[in-house]
Structure formats: structure tokens, C-alpha cells
PDB file of N, CA and C in Angstrom:
ATOM      1  N   LEU A   1      52.535 -28.184 -16.194  1.00  0.00           N
ATOM      2  CA  LEU A   1      52.204 -28.317 -17.611  1.00  0.00           C
ATOM      3  C   LEU A   1      50.762 -28.749 -17.714  1.00  0.00           C
ATOM      4  N   THR A   2      49.964 -28.074 -18.511  1.00  0.00           N
ATOM      5  CA  THR A   2      48.575 -28.468 -18.706  1.00  0.00           C
ATOM      6  C   THR A   2      48.334 -28.780 -20.171  1.00  0.00           C
ATOM      7  N   SER A   3      47.321 -29.571 -20.413  1.00  0.00           N
ATOM      8  CA  SER A   3      46.954 -29.934 -21.769  1.00  0.00           C
ATOM      9  C   SER A   3      45.466 -29.687 -21.952  1.00  0.00           C
ATOM     10  N   SER A   4      45.111 -28.566 -22.538  1.00  0.00           N
ATOM     11  CA  SER A   4      43.715 -28.216 -22.802  1.00  0.00           C
ATOM     12  C   SER A   4      42.854 -28.273 -21.550  1.00  0.00           C
ATOM     13  N   GLY A   5      43.424 -27.975 -20.396  1.00  0.00           N
ATOM     14  CA  GLY A   5      42.667 -27.995 -19.161  1.00  0.00           C
ATOM     15  C   GLY A   5      42.273 -29.374 -18.690  1.00  0.00           C
ATOM     16  N   LYS A   6      42.797 -30.420 -19.319  1.00  0.00           N
ATOM     17  CA  LYS A   6      42.396 -31.780 -18.974  1.00  0.00           C
ATOM     18  C   LYS A   6      43.425 -32.531 -18.144  1.00  0.00           C
ATOM     19  N   SER A   7      44.647 -32.091 -18.158  1.00  0.00           N
ATOM     20  CA  SER A   7      45.658 -32.804 -17.376  1.00  0.00           C
ATOM     21  C   SER A   7      46.738 -31.844 -16.920  1.00  0.00           C
ATOM     22  N   MET A   8      47.424 -32.271 -15.885  1.00  0.00           N
ATOM     23  CA  MET A   8      48.510 -31.465 -15.346  1.00  0.00           C
ATOM     24  C   MET A   8      49.594 -32.420 -14.886  1.00  0.00           C
ATOM     25  N   ARG A   9      50.824 -32.085 -15.133  1.00  0.00           N
ATOM     26  CA  ARG A   9      51.940 -32.886 -14.645  1.00  0.00           C
ATOM     27  C   ARG A   9      52.763 -32.017 -13.720  1.00  0.00           C
ATOM     28  N   ILE A  10      53.028 -32.563 -12.528  1.00  0.00           N
ATOM     29  CA  ILE A  10      53.867 -31.888 -11.552  1.00  0.00           C
ATOM     30  C   ILE A  10      55.074 -32.780 -11.342  1.00  0.00           C
ATOM     31  N   THR A  11      56.251 -32.241 -11.497  1.00  0.00           N
ATOM     32  CA  THR A  11      57.461 -33.025 -11.293  1.00  0.00           C
ATOM     33  C   THR A  11      58.351 -32.304 -10.293  1.00  0.00           C
ATOM     34  N   TRP A  12      58.834 -33.046  -9.297  1.00  0.00           N
ATOM     35  CA  TRP A  12      59.804 -32.464  -8.378  1.00  0.00           C
ATOM     36  C   TRP A  12      60.767 -33.548  -7.940  1.00  0.00           C
ATOM     37  N   THR A  13      61.857 -33.147  -7.393  1.00  0.00           N
ATOM     38  CA  THR A  13      62.852 -34.112  -6.940  1.00  0.00           C
ATOM     39  C   THR A  13      63.228 -33.818  -5.499  1.00  0.00           C
ATOM     40  N   LEU A  14      63.528 -34.851  -4.788  1.00  0.00           N
ATOM     41  CA  LEU A  14      64.022 -34.765  -3.426  1.00  0.00           C
ATOM     42  C   LEU A  14      65.012 -35.911  -3.274  1.00  0.00           C
ATOM     43  N   GLY A  15      66.232 -35.603  -2.983  1.00  0.00           N
ATOM     44  CA  GLY A  15      67.243 -36.647  -2.949  1.00  0.00           C
ATOM     45  C   GLY A  15      67.430 -37.185  -4.358  1.00  0.00           C
ATOM     46  N   ASP A  16      67.512 -38.504  -4.471  1.00  0.00           N
ATOM     47  CA  ASP A  16      67.701 -39.122  -5.781  1.00  0.00           C
ATOM     48  C   ASP A  16      66.403 -39.600  -6.406  1.00  0.00           C
ATOM     49  N   SER A  17      65.276 -39.481  -5.696  1.00  0.00           N
ATOM     50  CA  SER A  17      64.007 -39.941  -6.262  1.00  0.00           C
ATOM     51  C   SER A  17      63.288 -38.777  -6.931  1.00  0.00           C
ATOM     52  N   SER A  18      62.316 -39.120  -7.762  1.00  0.00           N
ATOM     53  CA  SER A  18      61.495 -38.088  -8.398  1.00  0.00           C
ATOM     54  C   SER A  18      60.058 -38.587  -8.477  1.00  0.00           C
ATOM     55  N   VAL A  19      59.135 -37.648  -8.565  1.00  0.00           N
ATOM     56  CA  VAL A  19      57.715 -37.961  -8.564  1.00  0.00           C
ATOM     57  C   VAL A  19      57.036 -37.220  -9.706  1.00  0.00           C
ATOM     58  N   ASP A  20      56.222 -37.939 -10.456  1.00  0.00           N
ATOM     59  CA  ASP A  20      55.338 -37.327 -11.444  1.00  0.00           C
ATOM     60  C   ASP A  20      53.914 -37.605 -10.993  1.00  0.00           C
ATOM     61  N   VAL A  21      53.070 -36.572 -11.007  1.00  0.00           N
ATOM     62  CA  VAL A  21      51.661 -36.708 -10.661  1.00  0.00           C
ATOM     63  C   VAL A  21      50.860 -36.183 -11.844  1.00  0.00           C
ATOM     64  N   ASN A  22      49.997 -37.019 -12.382  1.00  0.00           N
ATOM     65  CA  ASN A  22      49.173 -36.640 -13.526  1.00  0.00           C
ATOM     66  C   ASN A  22      47.708 -36.642 -13.123  1.00  0.00           C
ATOM     67  N   PHE A  23      47.009 -35.562 -13.426  1.00  0.00           N
ATOM     68  CA  PHE A  23      45.578 -35.431 -13.198  1.00  0.00           C
ATOM     69  C   PHE A  23      44.924 -35.392 -14.575  1.00  0.00           C
ATOM     70  N   SER A  24      43.949 -36.252 -14.804  1.00  0.00           N
ATOM     71  CA  SER A  24      43.278 -36.282 -16.103  1.00  0.00           C
ATOM     72  C   SER A  24      41.773 -36.292 -15.917  1.00  0.00           C
ATOM     73  N   ALA A  25      41.075 -35.464 -16.672  1.00  0.00           N
ATOM     74  CA  ALA A  25      39.614 -35.443 -16.648  1.00  0.00           C
ATOM     75  C   ALA A  25      39.095 -36.672 -17.378  1.00  0.00           C
ATOM     76  N   LYS A  26      38.064 -37.270 -16.811  1.00  0.00           N
ATOM     77  CA  LYS A  26      37.416 -38.431 -17.424  1.00  0.00           C
ATOM     78  C   LYS A  26      35.934 -38.164 -17.608  1.00  0.00           C
ATOM     79  N   GLY A  27      35.575 -36.928 -17.798  1.00  0.00           N
ATOM     80  CA  GLY A  27      34.186 -36.525 -17.944  1.00  0.00           C
ATOM     81  C   GLY A  27      33.915 -35.354 -17.023  1.00  0.00           C
ATOM     82  N   PRO A  28      32.674 -34.862 -17.005  1.00  0.00           N
ATOM     83  CA  PRO A  28      32.376 -33.675 -16.208  1.00  0.00           C
ATOM     84  C   PRO A  28      32.488 -33.895 -14.700  1.00  0.00           C
ATOM     85  N   ASP A  29      32.298 -35.107 -14.231  1.00  0.00           N
ATOM     86  CA  ASP A  29      32.310 -35.383 -12.792  1.00  0.00           C
ATOM     87  C   ASP A  29      33.315 -36.440 -12.381  1.00  0.00           C
ATOM     88  N   ARG A  30      34.257 -36.761 -13.254  1.00  0.00           N
ATOM     89  CA  ARG A  30      35.225 -37.813 -12.932  1.00  0.00           C
ATOM     90  C   ARG A  30      36.621 -37.400 -13.351  1.00  0.00           C
ATOM     91  N   SER A  31      37.573 -37.906 -12.617  1.00  0.00           N
ATOM     92  CA  SER A  31      38.965 -37.683 -12.983  1.00  0.00           C
ATOM     93  C   SER A  31      39.806 -38.815 -12.412  1.00  0.00           C
ATOM     94  N   THR A  32      41.024 -38.916 -12.889  1.00  0.00           N
ATOM     95  CA  THR A  32      41.964 -39.889 -12.363  1.00  0.00           C
ATOM     96  C   THR A  32      43.234 -39.163 -11.945  1.00  0.00           C
ATOM     97  N   VAL A  33      43.914 -39.757 -10.988  1.00  0.00           N
ATOM     98  CA  VAL A  33      45.208 -39.260 -10.540  1.00  0.00           C
ATOM     99  C   VAL A  33      46.179 -40.426 -10.625  1.00  0.00           C
ATOM    100  N   GLN A  34      47.304 -40.208 -11.255  1.00  0.00           N
ATOM    101  CA  GLN A  34      48.335 -41.224 -11.375  1.00  0.00           C
ATOM    102  C   GLN A  34      49.613 -40.679 -10.750  1.00  0.00           C
ATOM    103  N   VAL A  35      50.200 -41.452  -9.847  1.00  0.00           N
ATOM    104  CA  VAL A  35      51.449 -41.053  -9.195  1.00  0.00           C
ATOM    105  C   VAL A  35      52.527 -42.058  -9.572  1.00  0.00           C
ATOM    106  N   GLU A  36      53.643 -41.547 -10.028  1.00  0.00           N
ATOM    107  CA  GLU A  36      54.797 -42.386 -10.336  1.00  0.00           C
ATOM    108  C   GLU A  36      55.992 -41.847  -9.555  1.00  0.00           C
ATOM    109  N   HIS A  37      56.476 -42.641  -8.614  1.00  0.00           N
ATOM    110  CA  HIS A  37      57.620 -42.252  -7.783  1.00  0.00           C
ATOM    111  C   HIS A  37      58.783 -43.160  -8.181  1.00  0.00           C
ATOM    112  N   ARG A  38      59.805 -42.575  -8.749  1.00  0.00           N
ATOM    113  CA  ARG A  38      60.913 -43.349  -9.320  1.00  0.00           C
ATOM    114  C   ARG A  38      62.201 -43.180  -8.511  1.00  0.00           C
ATOM    115  N   LYS A  39      63.096 -44.109  -8.781  1.00  0.00           N
ATOM    116  CA  LYS A  39      64.460 -44.093  -8.239  1.00  0.00           C
ATOM    117  C   LYS A  39      64.488 -44.166  -6.710  1.00  0.00           C
ATOM    118  N   LEU A  40      63.613 -45.012  -6.157  1.00  0.00           N
ATOM    119  CA  LEU A  40      63.630 -45.216  -4.710  1.00  0.00           C
ATOM    120  C   LEU A  40      64.778 -46.165  -4.354  1.00  0.00           C
ATOM    121  N   ALA A  41      65.267 -46.045  -3.145  1.00  0.00           N
ATOM    122  CA  ALA A  41      66.499 -46.731  -2.742  1.00  0.00           C
ATOM    123  C   ALA A  41      66.393 -48.254  -2.716  1.00  0.00           C
ATOM    124  N   ASP A  42      65.258 -48.787  -2.247  1.00  0.00           N
ATOM    125  CA  ASP A  42      65.146 -50.238  -2.105  1.00  0.00           C
ATOM    126  C   ASP A  42      63.677 -50.636  -1.955  1.00  0.00           C
ATOM    127  N   ALA A  43      63.427 -51.931  -1.793  1.00  0.00           N
ATOM    128  CA  ALA A  43      62.057 -52.445  -1.685  1.00  0.00           C
ATOM    129  C   ALA A  43      61.329 -51.857  -0.480  1.00  0.00           C
ATOM    130  N   GLY A  44      62.040 -51.607   0.597  1.00  0.00           N
ATOM    131  CA  GLY A  44      61.419 -50.993   1.770  1.00  0.00           C
ATOM    132  C   GLY A  44      60.938 -49.585   1.482  1.00  0.00           C
ATOM    133  N   ALA A  45      61.734 -48.824   0.749  1.00  0.00           N
ATOM    134  CA  ALA A  45      61.347 -47.465   0.376  1.00  0.00           C
ATOM    135  C   ALA A  45      60.151 -47.490  -0.571  1.00  0.00           C
ATOM    136  N   VAL A  46      60.128 -48.461  -1.476  1.00  0.00           N
ATOM    137  CA  VAL A  46      58.996 -48.600  -2.397  1.00  0.00           C
ATOM    138  C   VAL A  46      57.718 -48.872  -1.614  1.00  0.00           C
ATOM    139  N   ALA A  47      57.767 -49.817  -0.679  1.00  0.00           N
ATOM    140  CA  ALA A  47      56.584 -50.150   0.128  1.00  0.00           C
ATOM    141  C   ALA A  47      56.120 -48.940   0.942  1.00  0.00           C
ATOM    142  N   ALA A  48      57.047 -48.227   1.524  1.00  0.00           N
ATOM    143  CA  ALA A  48      56.692 -47.054   2.330  1.00  0.00           C
ATOM    144  C   ALA A  48      56.034 -45.970   1.471  1.00  0.00           C
ATOM    145  N   GLN A  49      56.567 -45.735   0.282  1.00  0.00           N
ATOM    146  CA  GLN A  49      55.994 -44.709  -0.583  1.00  0.00           C
ATOM    147  C   GLN A  49      54.643 -45.127  -1.157  1.00  0.00           C
ATOM    148  N   LYS A  50      54.460 -46.421  -1.441  1.00  0.00           N
ATOM    149  CA  LYS A  50      53.140 -46.893  -1.885  1.00  0.00           C
ATOM    150  C   LYS A  50      52.097 -46.600  -0.820  1.00  0.00           C
ATOM    151  N   ALA A  51      52.418 -46.893   0.422  1.00  0.00           N
ATOM    152  CA  ALA A  51      51.489 -46.630   1.526  1.00  0.00           C
ATOM    153  C   ALA A  51      51.253 -45.128   1.675  1.00  0.00           C
ATOM    154  N   TYR A  52      52.296 -44.336   1.565  1.00  0.00           N
ATOM    155  CA  TYR A  52      52.193 -42.882   1.684  1.00  0.00           C
ATOM    156  C   TYR A  52      51.258 -42.318   0.614  1.00  0.00           C
ATOM    157  N   TRP A  53      51.488 -42.696  -0.642  1.00  0.00           N
ATOM    158  CA  TRP A  53      50.680 -42.162  -1.735  1.00  0.00           C
ATOM    159  C   TRP A  53      49.245 -42.678  -1.669  1.00  0.00           C
ATOM    160  N   ALA A  54      49.054 -43.942  -1.301  1.00  0.00           N
ATOM    161  CA  ALA A  54      47.692 -44.480  -1.182  1.00  0.00           C
ATOM    162  C   ALA A  54      46.910 -43.695  -0.138  1.00  0.00           C
ATOM    163  N   SER A  55      47.526 -43.423   0.993  1.00  0.00           N
ATOM    164  CA  SER A  55      46.875 -42.663   2.051  1.00  0.00           C
ATOM    165  C   SER A  55      46.552 -41.240   1.587  1.00  0.00           C
ATOM    166  N   GLY A  56      47.487 -40.606   0.933  1.00  0.00           N
ATOM    167  CA  GLY A  56      47.270 -39.251   0.446  1.00  0.00           C
ATOM    168  C   GLY A  56      46.154 -39.174  -0.583  1.00  0.00           C
ATOM    169  N   LEU A  57      46.108 -40.154  -1.486  1.00  0.00           N
ATOM    170  CA  LEU A  57      45.068 -40.156  -2.504  1.00  0.00           C
ATOM    171  C   LEU A  57      43.694 -40.461  -1.907  1.00  0.00           C
ATOM    172  N   GLU A  58      43.659 -41.299  -0.874  1.00  0.00           N
ATOM    173  CA  GLU A  58      42.395 -41.558  -0.176  1.00  0.00           C
ATOM    174  C   GLU A  58      41.890 -40.282   0.500  1.00  0.00           C
ATOM    175  N   ARG A  59      42.771 -39.527   1.109  1.00  0.00           N
ATOM    176  CA  ARG A  59      42.381 -38.260   1.738  1.00  0.00           C
ATOM    177  C   ARG A  59      41.896 -37.263   0.692  1.00  0.00           C
ATOM    178  N   LEU A  60      42.565 -37.212  -0.447  1.00  0.00           N
ATOM    179  CA  LEU A  60      42.143 -36.330  -1.531  1.00  0.00           C
ATOM    180  C   LEU A  60      40.744 -36.715  -2.008  1.00  0.00           C
ATOM    181  N   GLN A  61      40.507 -38.002  -2.191  1.00  0.00           N
ATOM    182  CA  GLN A  61      39.197 -38.458  -2.645  1.00  0.00           C
ATOM    183  C   GLN A  61      38.115 -38.084  -1.631  1.00  0.00           C
ATOM    184  N   ALA A  62      38.363 -38.316  -0.359  1.00  0.00           N
ATOM    185  CA  ALA A  62      37.389 -37.985   0.677  1.00  0.00           C
ATOM    186  C   ALA A  62      37.110 -36.478   0.687  1.00  0.00           C
ATOM    187  N   TRP A  63      38.130 -35.666   0.546  1.00  0.00           N
ATOM    188  CA  TRP A  63      37.973 -34.211   0.535  1.00  0.00           C
ATOM    189  C   TRP A  63      37.134 -33.761  -0.657  1.00  0.00           C
ATOM    190  N   LEU A  64      37.416 -34.331  -1.825  1.00  0.00           N
ATOM    191  CA  LEU A  64      36.667 -33.960  -3.022  1.00  0.00           C
ATOM    192  C   LEU A  64      35.212 -34.407  -2.929  1.00  0.00           C
ATOM    193  N   GLU A  65      34.981 -35.612  -2.426  1.00  0.00           N
ATOM    194  CA  GLU A  65      33.613 -36.118  -2.293  1.00  0.00           C
ATOM    195  C   GLU A  65      32.825 -35.298  -1.272  1.00  0.00           C
ATOM    196  N   ALA A  66      33.465 -34.849  -0.220  1.00  0.00           N
ATOM    197  CA  ALA A  66      32.778 -34.039   0.800  1.00  0.00           C
ATOM    198  C   ALA A  66      32.335 -32.697   0.211  1.00  0.00           C
ATOM    199  N   GLY A  67      33.084 -32.190  -0.721  1.00  0.00           N
ATOM    200  CA  GLY A  67      32.737 -30.930  -1.363  1.00  0.00           C
ATOM    201  C   GLY A  67      31.558 -31.025  -2.298  1.00  0.00           C
ATOM    202  N   ARG A  68      31.210 -32.222  -2.731  1.00  0.00           N
ATOM    203  CA  ARG A  68      30.083 -32.416  -3.643  1.00  0.00           C
ATOM    204  C   ARG A  68      28.747 -32.468  -2.927  1.00  0.00           C
ATOM    205  N   LYS A  69      28.776 -32.686  -1.630  1.00  0.00           N
ATOM    206  CA  LYS A  69      27.528 -32.877  -0.875  1.00  0.00           C
ATOM    207  C   LYS A  69      26.912 -31.571  -0.478  1.00  0.00           C
TER     208      LYS A  69
END
């Protein structure tokens, strides 16, 4: 789903959890990514997914920044 080319929502499910990822433009050279992972089994699963998403978003940022150089 897109909104005037400024945001996109991707939703998928695996098991009982679900993930929403929102990309929003914050100007010509900036954007934000928000990840919401819901219905995780327990605190251990929450911690593991936080680490997973943080790592993935760091890799995305590095990839995007490398493309600007």
C-alpha cells in the first residue's frame, strides 16, 4: 500500500506473529523506517526480534549511505 509515493506498508505473517514495516519520506534526502513485530511468544522472542530488526535496519542504512557516495 502506498500513499502519494511517500509511504509503504508491508504486512506478512509467519506463525502467530505479524510484522508491519512503514517507510516514510521526510524530505528529498531523508526517510524513516518503522518496524512493528506483534504477537511474539515471550520476552525472549521480543529481545531476539529487536536485535534482528536493529541489525537489518543498520545494514539497510549502510547500503543506502554507500549508494550516495
